[in-house]
Amino acid sequence: MWFVALGCLLGLAKLAELGPVAAWSWWLVLSPFGAAAAWWMFADSTGLTQQRAMDRAAEKTAERRVRHLEDMGLGTFERPKNGRRRK
């Protein structure tokens, strides 16, 4: 996402002829879009994108479960750290 934002800013600066960007080649100005495409291909091929989506879904499910338990008046139950129940 940062590469896309940088590419947009550089493109606007090139079109408005602001600062040193006006003298740069269009290839250099548009290169962040290529970097964004390369990053997305890498993230998708390694499963990084899918893993992040699954983590967000699991987090939402856990938060929803806790909220529903509290709404029913059951509260949350924490497991003891040593694995034993109190008597």
N, C-alpha and C. Protein backbone atom coordinates (compact mmCIF):
# COMPACT_ATOMS: atom_id res chain seq x y z
N MET A 1 0.82 -1.18 0.00
CA MET A 1 0.00 0.00 0.00
C MET A 1 0.87 1.25 0.00
N TRP A 2 1.97 1.17 0.73
CA TRP A 2 2.87 2.33 0.78
C TRP A 2 3.46 2.62 -0.59
N PHE A 3 3.74 1.57 -1.35
CA PHE A 3 4.30 1.77 -2.69
C PHE A 3 3.31 2.48 -3.60
N VAL A 4 2.04 2.13 -3.48
CA VAL A 4 1.01 2.76 -4.31
C VAL A 4 0.87 4.24 -3.94
N ALA A 5 0.86 4.54 -2.65
CA ALA A 5 0.76 5.93 -2.20
C ALA A 5 1.97 6.74 -2.67
N LEU A 6 3.15 6.15 -2.56
CA LEU A 6 4.36 6.83 -3.03
C LEU A 6 4.31 7.07 -4.53
N GLY A 7 3.85 6.08 -5.27
CA GLY A 7 3.74 6.23 -6.72
C GLY A 7 2.76 7.33 -7.10
N CYS A 8 1.65 7.41 -6.38
CA CYS A 8 0.67 8.48 -6.65
C CYS A 8 1.27 9.85 -6.36
N LEU A 9 1.95 9.97 -5.22
CA LEU A 9 2.57 11.25 -4.88
C LEU A 9 3.64 11.66 -5.89
N LEU A 10 4.47 10.72 -6.29
CA LEU A 10 5.50 11.03 -7.28
C LEU A 10 4.88 11.38 -8.63
N GLY A 11 3.84 10.68 -9.01
CA GLY A 11 3.17 10.98 -10.28
C GLY A 11 2.55 12.37 -10.28
N LEU A 12 1.92 12.74 -9.18
CA LEU A 12 1.34 14.08 -9.08
C LEU A 12 2.43 15.15 -9.08
N ALA A 13 3.53 14.87 -8.39
CA ALA A 13 4.63 15.84 -8.38
C ALA A 13 5.25 15.99 -9.77
N LYS A 14 5.33 14.90 -10.52
CA LYS A 14 5.86 14.96 -11.88
C LYS A 14 4.93 15.76 -12.78
N LEU A 15 3.62 15.51 -12.68
CA LEU A 15 2.67 16.24 -13.51
C LEU A 15 2.63 17.73 -13.17
N ALA A 16 2.77 18.06 -11.88
CA ALA A 16 2.75 19.45 -11.45
C ALA A 16 4.12 20.12 -11.59
N GLU A 17 5.11 19.33 -11.99
CA GLU A 17 6.48 19.80 -12.16
C GLU A 17 7.01 20.45 -10.88
N LEU A 18 6.88 19.72 -9.78
CA LEU A 18 7.35 20.20 -8.49
C LEU A 18 8.74 19.65 -8.17
N GLY A 19 9.62 20.53 -7.74
CA GLY A 19 10.93 20.13 -7.25
C GLY A 19 11.74 19.30 -8.21
N PRO A 20 12.62 18.49 -7.66
CA PRO A 20 13.50 17.68 -8.51
C PRO A 20 12.78 16.55 -9.24
N VAL A 21 11.58 16.22 -8.81
CA VAL A 21 10.82 15.14 -9.45
C VAL A 21 10.49 15.49 -10.90
N ALA A 22 10.37 16.77 -11.20
CA ALA A 22 10.05 17.21 -12.57
C ALA A 22 11.12 16.77 -13.56
N ALA A 23 12.35 16.65 -13.12
CA ALA A 23 13.45 16.28 -14.02
C ALA A 23 13.65 14.77 -14.10
N TRP A 24 12.98 14.02 -13.26
CA TRP A 24 13.15 12.57 -13.25
C TRP A 24 12.46 11.92 -14.44
N SER A 25 12.96 10.78 -14.81
CA SER A 25 12.35 9.99 -15.87
C SER A 25 11.01 9.41 -15.38
N TRP A 26 10.08 9.19 -16.33
CA TRP A 26 8.80 8.60 -15.96
C TRP A 26 8.98 7.17 -15.43
N TRP A 27 10.01 6.49 -15.92
CA TRP A 27 10.28 5.13 -15.43
C TRP A 27 10.58 5.14 -13.93
N LEU A 28 11.35 6.12 -13.50
CA LEU A 28 11.68 6.23 -12.09
C LEU A 28 10.47 6.65 -11.27
N VAL A 29 9.66 7.55 -11.81
CA VAL A 29 8.48 8.03 -11.10
C VAL A 29 7.45 6.91 -10.93
N LEU A 30 7.30 6.06 -11.90
CA LEU A 30 6.29 5.00 -11.87
C LEU A 30 6.81 3.68 -11.28
N SER A 31 8.08 3.63 -10.92
CA SER A 31 8.66 2.39 -10.40
C SER A 31 8.01 1.90 -9.09
N PRO A 32 7.48 2.77 -8.21
CA PRO A 32 6.81 2.23 -7.01
C PRO A 32 5.61 1.34 -7.34
N PHE A 33 4.94 1.57 -8.46
CA PHE A 33 3.83 0.70 -8.84
C PHE A 33 4.32 -0.70 -9.19
N GLY A 34 5.47 -0.78 -9.84
CA GLY A 34 6.08 -2.09 -10.11
C GLY A 34 6.51 -2.78 -8.83
N ALA A 35 7.04 -2.00 -7.88
CA ALA A 35 7.43 -2.57 -6.59
C ALA A 35 6.20 -3.08 -5.84
N ALA A 36 5.09 -2.37 -5.92
CA ALA A 36 3.85 -2.82 -5.27
C ALA A 36 3.37 -4.13 -5.89
N ALA A 37 3.41 -4.23 -7.19
CA ALA A 37 2.99 -5.46 -7.87
C ALA A 37 3.89 -6.63 -7.46
N ALA A 38 5.20 -6.38 -7.38
CA ALA A 38 6.14 -7.43 -6.97
C ALA A 38 5.87 -7.87 -5.53
N TRP A 39 5.61 -6.90 -4.65
CA TRP A 39 5.32 -7.24 -3.25
C TRP A 39 4.04 -8.06 -3.14
N TRP A 40 3.00 -7.68 -3.88
CA TRP A 40 1.74 -8.43 -3.81
C TRP A 40 1.92 -9.83 -4.36
N MET A 41 2.71 -10.01 -5.40
CA MET A 41 2.96 -11.35 -5.93
C MET A 41 3.70 -12.19 -4.89
N PHE A 42 4.69 -11.59 -4.23
CA PHE A 42 5.45 -12.31 -3.19
C PHE A 42 4.54 -12.68 -2.02
N ALA A 43 3.75 -11.73 -1.56
CA ALA A 43 2.88 -11.97 -0.39
C ALA A 43 1.83 -13.04 -0.70
N ASP A 44 1.30 -13.03 -1.90
CA ASP A 44 0.31 -14.04 -2.27
C ASP A 44 0.93 -15.41 -2.47
N SER A 45 2.11 -15.47 -3.04
CA SER A 45 2.74 -16.76 -3.30
C SER A 45 3.25 -17.43 -2.04
N THR A 46 3.61 -16.65 -1.01
CA THR A 46 4.10 -17.23 0.23
C THR A 46 2.98 -17.50 1.22
N GLY A 47 1.75 -17.06 0.93
CA GLY A 47 0.63 -17.29 1.81
C GLY A 47 0.50 -16.24 2.91
N LEU A 48 1.29 -15.19 2.84
CA LEU A 48 1.27 -14.15 3.86
C LEU A 48 -0.08 -13.45 3.92
N THR A 49 -0.64 -13.15 2.78
CA THR A 49 -1.93 -12.46 2.72
C THR A 49 -3.04 -13.32 3.33
N GLN A 50 -3.07 -14.59 2.96
CA GLN A 50 -4.10 -15.49 3.48
C GLN A 50 -3.94 -15.70 4.97
N GLN A 51 -2.71 -15.80 5.46
CA GLN A 51 -2.48 -16.00 6.89
C GLN A 51 -2.96 -14.79 7.69
N ARG A 52 -2.69 -13.60 7.19
CA ARG A 52 -3.16 -12.39 7.87
C ARG A 52 -4.68 -12.34 7.91
N ALA A 53 -5.33 -12.72 6.83
CA ALA A 53 -6.79 -12.73 6.78
C ALA A 53 -7.35 -13.76 7.77
N MET A 54 -6.73 -14.92 7.86
CA MET A 54 -7.19 -15.94 8.80
C MET A 54 -6.97 -15.49 10.24
N ASP A 55 -5.86 -14.81 10.52
CA ASP A 55 -5.61 -14.30 11.87
C ASP A 55 -6.65 -13.27 12.27
N ARG A 56 -7.00 -12.36 11.34
CA ARG A 56 -8.03 -11.36 11.64
C ARG A 56 -9.38 -12.01 11.90
N ALA A 57 -9.72 -13.03 11.12
CA ALA A 57 -11.00 -13.72 11.30
C ALA A 57 -11.03 -14.45 12.64
N ALA A 58 -9.93 -15.09 13.02
CA ALA A 58 -9.87 -15.80 14.30
C ALA A 58 -9.96 -14.82 15.46
N GLU A 59 -9.34 -13.67 15.32
CA GLU A 59 -9.39 -12.65 16.38
C GLU A 59 -10.81 -12.11 16.55
N LYS A 60 -11.49 -11.86 15.44
CA LYS A 60 -12.88 -11.39 15.51
C LYS A 60 -13.78 -12.43 16.15
N THR A 61 -13.56 -13.70 15.81
CA THR A 61 -14.37 -14.78 16.38
C THR A 61 -14.16 -14.87 17.88
N ALA A 62 -12.91 -14.76 18.32
CA ALA A 62 -12.63 -14.84 19.76
C ALA A 62 -13.25 -13.65 20.50
N GLU A 63 -13.15 -12.46 19.93
CA GLU A 63 -13.74 -11.28 20.56
C GLU A 63 -15.27 -11.41 20.63
N ARG A 64 -15.87 -11.92 19.56
CA ARG A 64 -17.32 -12.10 19.53
C ARG A 64 -17.75 -13.13 20.58
N ARG A 65 -16.99 -14.20 20.73
CA ARG A 65 -17.31 -15.23 21.72
C ARG A 65 -17.27 -14.65 23.13
N VAL A 66 -16.23 -13.90 23.43
CA VAL A 66 -16.12 -13.28 24.76
C VAL A 66 -17.26 -12.31 24.99
N ARG A 67 -17.59 -11.52 23.99
CA ARG A 67 -18.69 -10.55 24.12
C ARG A 67 -20.02 -11.26 24.38
N HIS A 68 -20.27 -12.36 23.68
CA HIS A 68 -21.52 -13.09 23.87
C HIS A 68 -21.58 -13.74 25.25
N LEU A 69 -20.46 -14.28 25.72
CA LEU A 69 -20.44 -14.87 27.06
C LEU A 69 -20.72 -13.82 28.12
N GLU A 70 -20.13 -12.64 27.96
CA GLU A 70 -20.38 -11.57 28.92
C GLU A 70 -21.82 -11.09 28.85
N ASP A 71 -22.39 -11.03 27.65
CA ASP A 71 -23.79 -10.61 27.50
C ASP A 71 -24.76 -11.60 28.15
N MET A 72 -24.39 -12.88 28.16
CA MET A 72 -25.23 -13.88 28.81
C MET A 72 -25.02 -13.93 30.31
N GLY A 73 -24.04 -13.17 30.80
CA GLY A 73 -23.77 -13.13 32.23
C GLY A 73 -22.87 -14.24 32.71
N LEU A 74 -22.23 -14.93 31.79
CA LEU A 74 -21.35 -16.03 32.18
C LEU A 74 -19.93 -15.57 32.46
N GLY A 75 -19.57 -14.41 31.97
CA GLY A 75 -18.21 -13.93 32.16
C GLY A 75 -17.23 -14.74 31.34
N THR A 76 -15.98 -14.50 31.55
CA THR A 76 -14.96 -15.26 30.84
C THR A 76 -14.26 -16.17 31.83
N PHE A 77 -13.92 -17.31 31.35
CA PHE A 77 -13.24 -18.28 32.18
C PHE A 77 -11.81 -18.42 31.70
N GLU A 78 -10.89 -18.16 32.62
CA GLU A 78 -9.48 -18.29 32.27
C GLU A 78 -8.97 -19.61 32.83
N ARG A 79 -8.15 -20.27 32.06
CA ARG A 79 -7.57 -21.52 32.53
C ARG A 79 -6.39 -21.22 33.44
N PRO A 80 -6.22 -22.03 34.46
CA PRO A 80 -5.04 -21.84 35.31
C PRO A 80 -3.77 -22.12 34.53
N LYS A 81 -2.71 -21.45 34.88
CA LYS A 81 -1.47 -21.59 34.13
C LYS A 81 -0.83 -22.96 34.30
N ASN A 82 -1.03 -23.59 35.46
CA ASN A 82 -0.38 -24.88 35.68
C ASN A 82 -1.23 -26.05 35.18
N GLY A 83 -2.41 -25.77 34.64
CA GLY A 83 -3.25 -26.80 34.06
C GLY A 83 -4.16 -27.49 35.06
N ARG A 84 -4.13 -27.08 36.35
CA ARG A 84 -4.97 -27.71 37.36
C ARG A 84 -6.10 -26.77 37.76
N ARG A 85 -7.20 -27.37 38.14
CA ARG A 85 -8.33 -26.59 38.60
C ARG A 85 -8.19 -26.34 40.10
N ARG A 86 -8.75 -25.23 40.52
CA ARG A 86 -8.77 -24.95 41.95
C ARG A 86 -9.91 -25.73 42.61
N LYS A 87 -9.70 -26.06 43.85
CA LYS A 87 -10.74 -26.79 44.59
C LYS A 87 -11.54 -25.85 45.43
